Amino acid sequence: LAAALKGALNGLKIGGVKPGFEEDLKPLPQGPPASMCIPRLVNPNEVEGLLREVYESIREETGSESVASVWRALGHHPEYLELAWGFAREAQKSKGFEITVSLSQGAAAAAAQEFPHPVDLDREKAAALGCSGEEIDLIDQTLDHFIHLIPRVNVTILLLKAALLGEGRVRRKPFENQ
């Protein structure tokens, strides 16, 4: 979605492609399934000791003031978080990690162009809706942030899952046999 909005905002033709299957036009359910538990997230600004050190390391390494939800959820188990972050930090330094993130970003951009419904929003339309040039630039920068952040977090989660359960479990469909 971030790639689609950024592309449209910057003049790319996004969407309007007839899908291969009519099922692709059916709306997705909104929100999480009723059976999904809501994770309790630790507030990284209200922690001390080891947890504060790990969250500061995460902020420093990622160059972000925020801490991704996966790390905030693991904050209830500081020793495990420290191990998981150490593993992820080393994995993120590898060329394979960067290649996987780049491929994910490219796949998202390609998928966005094939949306069945056109995304009809460019800078002129955003301005006509009342957004200033500075606001449009901020939206563009925020979309860049998500386009960069989301694949990195997703790949990191998959690496953690592979370390815990084995690579074969990561390669399977996420909801098979569930």
C-alpha atoms as a PDB file:
ATOM      1  CA  LEU A   1       0.000   0.000   0.000  1.00  0.00           C
ATOM      2  CA  ALA A   2       2.831   2.404   0.845  1.00  0.00           C
ATOM      3  CA  ALA A   3       4.473   1.678  -2.518  1.00  0.00           C
ATOM      4  CA  ALA A   4       1.165   2.255  -4.336  1.00  0.00           C
ATOM      5  CA  LEU A   5       0.541   5.574  -2.595  1.00  0.00           C
ATOM      6  CA  LYS A   6       4.103   6.786  -3.147  1.00  0.00           C
ATOM      7  CA  GLY A   7       4.028   5.791  -6.811  1.00  0.00           C
ATOM      8  CA  ALA A   8       0.689   7.506  -7.427  1.00  0.00           C
ATOM      9  CA  LEU A   9       1.717  10.595  -5.473  1.00  0.00           C
ATOM     10  CA  ASN A  10       4.780  10.899  -7.701  1.00  0.00           C
ATOM     11  CA  GLY A  11       2.993  10.477 -11.028  1.00  0.00           C
ATOM     12  CA  LEU A  12       3.181   6.739 -11.718  1.00  0.00           C
ATOM     13  CA  LYS A  13       0.129   4.982 -13.110  1.00  0.00           C
ATOM     14  CA  ILE A  14      -0.872   2.651 -10.297  1.00  0.00           C
ATOM     15  CA  GLY A  15      -3.571   0.013 -10.564  1.00  0.00           C
ATOM     16  CA  GLY A  16      -6.477  -0.500 -12.903  1.00  0.00           C
ATOM     17  CA  VAL A  17      -5.122  -3.897 -14.012  1.00  0.00           C
ATOM     18  CA  LYS A  18      -7.687  -6.621 -14.629  1.00  0.00           C
ATOM     19  CA  PRO A  19      -6.848  -9.447 -12.227  1.00  0.00           C
ATOM     20  CA  GLY A  20      -6.308 -13.007 -13.376  1.00  0.00           C
ATOM     21  CA  PHE A  21      -9.053 -14.191 -11.004  1.00  0.00           C
ATOM     22  CA  GLU A  22     -12.343 -12.494 -10.195  1.00  0.00           C
ATOM     23  CA  GLU A  23     -11.777 -13.509  -6.552  1.00  0.00           C
ATOM     24  CA  ASP A  24      -9.016 -10.894  -6.454  1.00  0.00           C
ATOM     25  CA  LEU A  25     -11.700  -8.195  -6.655  1.00  0.00           C
ATOM     26  CA  LYS A  26     -13.468  -9.343  -3.494  1.00  0.00           C
ATOM     27  CA  PRO A  27     -12.738  -7.057  -0.544  1.00  0.00           C
ATOM     28  CA  LEU A  28     -10.542  -8.418   2.209  1.00  0.00           C
ATOM     29  CA  PRO A  29     -11.956  -8.598   5.707  1.00  0.00           C
ATOM     30  CA  GLN A  30     -11.113  -5.488   7.691  1.00  0.00           C
ATOM     31  CA  GLY A  31      -9.124  -5.801  10.882  1.00  0.00           C
ATOM     32  CA  PRO A  32      -7.611  -8.828  12.539  1.00  0.00           C
ATOM     33  CA  PRO A  33      -9.539 -12.077  12.988  1.00  0.00           C
ATOM     34  CA  ALA A  34     -11.624 -12.171  16.165  1.00  0.00           C
ATOM     35  CA  SER A  35      -9.477 -15.043  17.464  1.00  0.00           C
ATOM     36  CA  MET A  36      -6.257 -13.027  17.216  1.00  0.00           C
ATOM     37  CA  CYS A  37      -4.837 -11.900  20.532  1.00  0.00           C
ATOM     38  CA  ILE A  38      -3.624  -8.326  20.797  1.00  0.00           C
ATOM     39  CA  PRO A  39       0.026  -8.226  21.840  1.00  0.00           C
ATOM     40  CA  ARG A  40       0.965  -6.167  24.867  1.00  0.00           C
ATOM     41  CA  LEU A  41       3.708  -3.769  23.839  1.00  0.00           C
ATOM     42  CA  VAL A  42       6.327  -2.346  26.167  1.00  0.00           C
ATOM     43  CA  ASN A  43       6.721   1.436  26.038  1.00  0.00           C
ATOM     44  CA  PRO A  44      10.434   1.864  25.244  1.00  0.00           C
ATOM     45  CA  ASN A  45      10.458   5.288  26.908  1.00  0.00           C
ATOM     46  CA  GLU A  46       9.438   3.840  30.286  1.00  0.00           C
ATOM     47  CA  VAL A  47      12.067   1.136  30.814  1.00  0.00           C
ATOM     48  CA  GLU A  48      15.274   0.805  32.802  1.00  0.00           C
ATOM     49  CA  GLY A  49      18.355  -1.402  32.913  1.00  0.00           C
ATOM     50  CA  LEU A  50      18.918  -4.104  30.312  1.00  0.00           C
ATOM     51  CA  LEU A  51      15.711  -3.278  28.454  1.00  0.00           C
ATOM     52  CA  ARG A  52      16.697   0.383  28.109  1.00  0.00           C
ATOM     53  CA  GLU A  53      20.134  -0.666  26.792  1.00  0.00           C
ATOM     54  CA  VAL A  54      18.632  -2.993  24.188  1.00  0.00           C
ATOM     55  CA  TYR A  55      16.082  -0.430  23.020  1.00  0.00           C
ATOM     56  CA  GLU A  56      18.794   2.243  22.774  1.00  0.00           C
ATOM     57  CA  SER A  57      20.870  -0.183  20.686  1.00  0.00           C
ATOM     58  CA  ILE A  58      17.874  -0.818  18.423  1.00  0.00           C
ATOM     59  CA  ARG A  59      17.301   2.903  17.944  1.00  0.00           C
ATOM     60  CA  GLU A  60      20.981   3.516  17.245  1.00  0.00           C
ATOM     61  CA  GLU A  61      21.341   0.626  14.792  1.00  0.00           C
ATOM     62  CA  THR A  62      18.114   1.373  12.918  1.00  0.00           C
ATOM     63  CA  GLY A  63      18.557   5.146  12.922  1.00  0.00           C
ATOM     64  CA  SER A  64      15.002   5.575  14.153  1.00  0.00           C
ATOM     65  CA  GLU A  65      13.542   7.116  17.279  1.00  0.00           C
ATOM     66  CA  SER A  66      10.814   4.486  17.276  1.00  0.00           C
ATOM     67  CA  VAL A  67      11.175   0.822  18.210  1.00  0.00           C
ATOM     68  CA  ALA A  68       9.351  -1.694  16.012  1.00  0.00           C
ATOM     69  CA  SER A  69       6.437  -3.539  17.598  1.00  0.00           C
ATOM     70  CA  VAL A  70       8.204  -6.905  17.379  1.00  0.00           C
ATOM     71  CA  TRP A  71      10.890  -5.644  19.793  1.00  0.00           C
ATOM     72  CA  ARG A  72       8.319  -3.954  22.005  1.00  0.00           C
ATOM     73  CA  ALA A  73       6.369  -7.218  22.271  1.00  0.00           C
ATOM     74  CA  LEU A  74       9.531  -9.133  23.163  1.00  0.00           C
ATOM     75  CA  GLY A  75      10.311  -6.520  25.816  1.00  0.00           C
ATOM     76  CA  HIS A  76       8.331  -8.570  28.332  1.00  0.00           C
ATOM     77  CA  HIS A  77      11.236 -11.041  28.176  1.00  0.00           C
ATOM     78  CA  PRO A  78      14.377  -8.824  28.333  1.00  0.00           C
ATOM     79  CA  GLU A  79      16.941 -11.651  28.286  1.00  0.00           C
ATOM     80  CA  TYR A  80      15.305 -13.249  25.260  1.00  0.00           C
ATOM     81  CA  LEU A  81      14.989  -9.840  23.585  1.00  0.00           C
ATOM     82  CA  GLU A  82      18.706  -9.262  24.104  1.00  0.00           C
ATOM     83  CA  LEU A  83      19.522 -12.602  22.440  1.00  0.00           C
ATOM     84  CA  ALA A  84      17.054 -12.086  19.584  1.00  0.00           C
ATOM     85  CA  TRP A  85      18.247  -8.534  18.912  1.00  0.00           C
ATOM     86  CA  GLY A  86      21.892  -9.673  18.940  1.00  0.00           C
ATOM     87  CA  PHE A  87      21.071 -12.387  16.405  1.00  0.00           C
ATOM     88  CA  ALA A  88      19.029 -10.009  14.233  1.00  0.00           C
ATOM     89  CA  ARG A  89      21.656  -7.251  14.380  1.00  0.00           C
ATOM     90  CA  GLU A  90      24.326  -9.616  13.049  1.00  0.00           C
ATOM     91  CA  ALA A  91      22.001 -11.073  10.407  1.00  0.00           C
ATOM     92  CA  GLN A  92      21.072  -7.577   9.195  1.00  0.00           C
ATOM     93  CA  LYS A  93      24.735  -6.866   8.408  1.00  0.00           C
ATOM     94  CA  SER A  94      24.855  -9.646   5.812  1.00  0.00           C
ATOM     95  CA  LYS A  95      24.654  -9.044   2.090  1.00  0.00           C
ATOM     96  CA  GLY A  96      21.891 -11.678   1.881  1.00  0.00           C
ATOM     97  CA  PHE A  97      19.722  -9.641   4.247  1.00  0.00           C
ATOM     98  CA  GLU A  98      20.090  -6.502   2.129  1.00  0.00           C
ATOM     99  CA  ILE A  99      19.393  -8.449  -1.061  1.00  0.00           C
ATOM    100  CA  THR A 100      16.244  -9.972   0.461  1.00  0.00           C
ATOM    101  CA  VAL A 101      15.025  -6.564   1.658  1.00  0.00           C
ATOM    102  CA  SER A 102      15.695  -5.044  -1.767  1.00  0.00           C
ATOM    103  CA  LEU A 103      13.828  -7.866  -3.511  1.00  0.00           C
ATOM    104  CA  SER A 104      10.899  -7.374  -1.112  1.00  0.00           C
ATOM    105  CA  GLN A 105      10.783  -3.659  -1.882  1.00  0.00           C
ATOM    106  CA  GLY A 106      10.872  -4.358  -5.614  1.00  0.00           C
ATOM    107  CA  ALA A 107       8.133  -6.972  -5.313  1.00  0.00           C
ATOM    108  CA  ALA A 108       5.957  -4.495  -3.396  1.00  0.00           C
ATOM    109  CA  ALA A 109       6.446  -1.836  -6.081  1.00  0.00           C
ATOM    110  CA  ALA A 110       5.610  -4.313  -8.862  1.00  0.00           C
ATOM    111  CA  ALA A 111       2.543  -5.595  -7.005  1.00  0.00           C
ATOM    112  CA  ALA A 112       1.343  -2.032  -6.424  1.00  0.00           C
ATOM    113  CA  GLN A 113       1.305  -1.347 -10.153  1.00  0.00           C
ATOM    114  CA  GLU A 114      -0.972  -4.348 -10.632  1.00  0.00           C
ATOM    115  CA  PHE A 115      -3.688  -3.299  -8.161  1.00  0.00           C
ATOM    116  CA  PRO A 116      -7.096  -4.077  -9.656  1.00  0.00           C
ATOM    117  CA  HIS A 117      -8.396  -0.620  -8.715  1.00  0.00           C
ATOM    118  CA  PRO A 118      -6.573   2.510  -9.860  1.00  0.00           C
ATOM    119  CA  VAL A 119      -4.928   4.724  -7.253  1.00  0.00           C
ATOM    120  CA  ASP A 120      -5.854   8.161  -8.513  1.00  0.00           C
ATOM    121  CA  LEU A 121      -3.871  10.509  -6.281  1.00  0.00           C
ATOM    122  CA  ASP A 122      -1.020  12.691  -7.433  1.00  0.00           C
ATOM    123  CA  ARG A 123       0.563  15.836  -6.008  1.00  0.00           C
ATOM    124  CA  GLU A 124      -1.880  18.114  -7.788  1.00  0.00           C
ATOM    125  CA  LYS A 125      -4.896  16.232  -6.427  1.00  0.00           C
ATOM    126  CA  ALA A 126      -3.397  16.233  -2.921  1.00  0.00           C
ATOM    127  CA  ALA A 127      -2.913  20.004  -3.217  1.00  0.00           C
ATOM    128  CA  ALA A 128      -6.508  20.395  -4.423  1.00  0.00           C
ATOM    129  CA  LEU A 129      -7.615  18.510  -1.291  1.00  0.00           C
ATOM    130  CA  GLY A 130      -5.918  21.189   0.799  1.00  0.00           C
ATOM    131  CA  CYS A 131      -2.425  19.761   1.404  1.00  0.00           C
ATOM    132  CA  SER A 132       0.433  22.228   1.250  1.00  0.00           C
ATOM    133  CA  GLY A 133       3.622  21.416  -0.644  1.00  0.00           C
ATOM    134  CA  GLU A 134       5.396  20.806   2.679  1.00  0.00           C
ATOM    135  CA  GLU A 135       2.653  18.411   3.803  1.00  0.00           C
ATOM    136  CA  ILE A 136       2.846  16.508   0.519  1.00  0.00           C
ATOM    137  CA  ASP A 137       6.627  16.246   0.900  1.00  0.00           C
ATOM    138  CA  LEU A 138       6.159  14.975   4.472  1.00  0.00           C
ATOM    139  CA  ILE A 139       3.670  12.345   3.244  1.00  0.00           C
ATOM    140  CA  ASP A 140       6.188  11.315   0.577  1.00  0.00           C
ATOM    141  CA  GLN A 141       8.979  11.032   3.185  1.00  0.00           C
ATOM    142  CA  THR A 142       6.735   9.059   5.541  1.00  0.00           C
ATOM    143  CA  LEU A 143       5.864   6.626   2.746  1.00  0.00           C
ATOM    144  CA  ASP A 144       9.617   6.240   2.059  1.00  0.00           C
ATOM    145  CA  HIS A 145      10.124   5.445   5.736  1.00  0.00           C
ATOM    146  CA  PHE A 146       7.522   2.661   5.622  1.00  0.00           C
ATOM    147  CA  ILE A 147       8.798   1.319   2.281  1.00  0.00           C
ATOM    148  CA  HIS A 148      12.217   1.004   3.929  1.00  0.00           C
ATOM    149  CA  LEU A 149      11.076  -0.171   7.372  1.00  0.00           C
ATOM    150  CA  ILE A 150       8.381  -2.770   6.649  1.00  0.00           C
ATOM    151  CA  PRO A 151      10.509  -5.172   4.550  1.00  0.00           C
ATOM    152  CA  ARG A 152      13.396  -4.928   7.046  1.00  0.00           C
ATOM    153  CA  VAL A 153      11.125  -5.819   9.960  1.00  0.00           C
ATOM    154  CA  ASN A 154       9.418  -8.616   8.008  1.00  0.00           C
ATOM    155  CA  VAL A 155      12.724 -10.173   6.928  1.00  0.00           C
ATOM    156  CA  THR A 156      14.044  -9.907  10.487  1.00  0.00           C
ATOM    157  CA  ILE A 157      10.958 -11.689  11.843  1.00  0.00           C
ATOM    158  CA  LEU A 158      11.394 -14.451   9.257  1.00  0.00           C
ATOM    159  CA  LEU A 159      15.069 -14.826  10.226  1.00  0.00           C
ATOM    160  CA  LEU A 160      14.089 -15.147  13.880  1.00  0.00           C
ATOM    161  CA  LYS A 161      11.449 -17.717  12.966  1.00  0.00           C
ATOM    162  CA  ALA A 162      13.979 -19.652  10.872  1.00  0.00           C
ATOM    163  CA  ALA A 163      16.462 -19.638  13.763  1.00  0.00           C
ATOM    164  CA  LEU A 164      13.811 -20.975  16.149  1.00  0.00           C
ATOM    165  CA  LEU A 165      11.884 -23.402  13.944  1.00  0.00           C
ATOM    166  CA  GLY A 166      14.122 -24.118  10.979  1.00  0.00           C
ATOM    167  CA  GLU A 167      14.249 -22.637   7.519  1.00  0.00           C
ATOM    168  CA  GLY A 168      11.724 -25.114   6.113  1.00  0.00           C
ATOM    169  CA  ARG A 169       8.996 -23.788   8.396  1.00  0.00           C
ATOM    170  CA  VAL A 170       9.588 -20.248   7.122  1.00  0.00           C
ATOM    171  CA  ARG A 171       9.306 -21.296   3.483  1.00  0.00           C
ATOM    172  CA  ARG A 172       5.869 -22.886   3.958  1.00  0.00           C
ATOM    173  CA  LYS A 173       2.656 -20.964   3.598  1.00  0.00           C
ATOM    174  CA  PRO A 174       2.088 -19.135   6.884  1.00  0.00           C
ATOM    175  CA  PHE A 175      -1.380 -20.503   7.600  1.00  0.00           C
ATOM    176  CA  GLU A 176      -1.204 -24.020   6.231  1.00  0.00           C
ATOM    177  CA  ASN A 177      -2.528 -26.688   8.609  1.00  0.00           C
ATOM    178  CA  GLN A 178      -4.074 -24.007  10.840  1.00  0.00           C
END
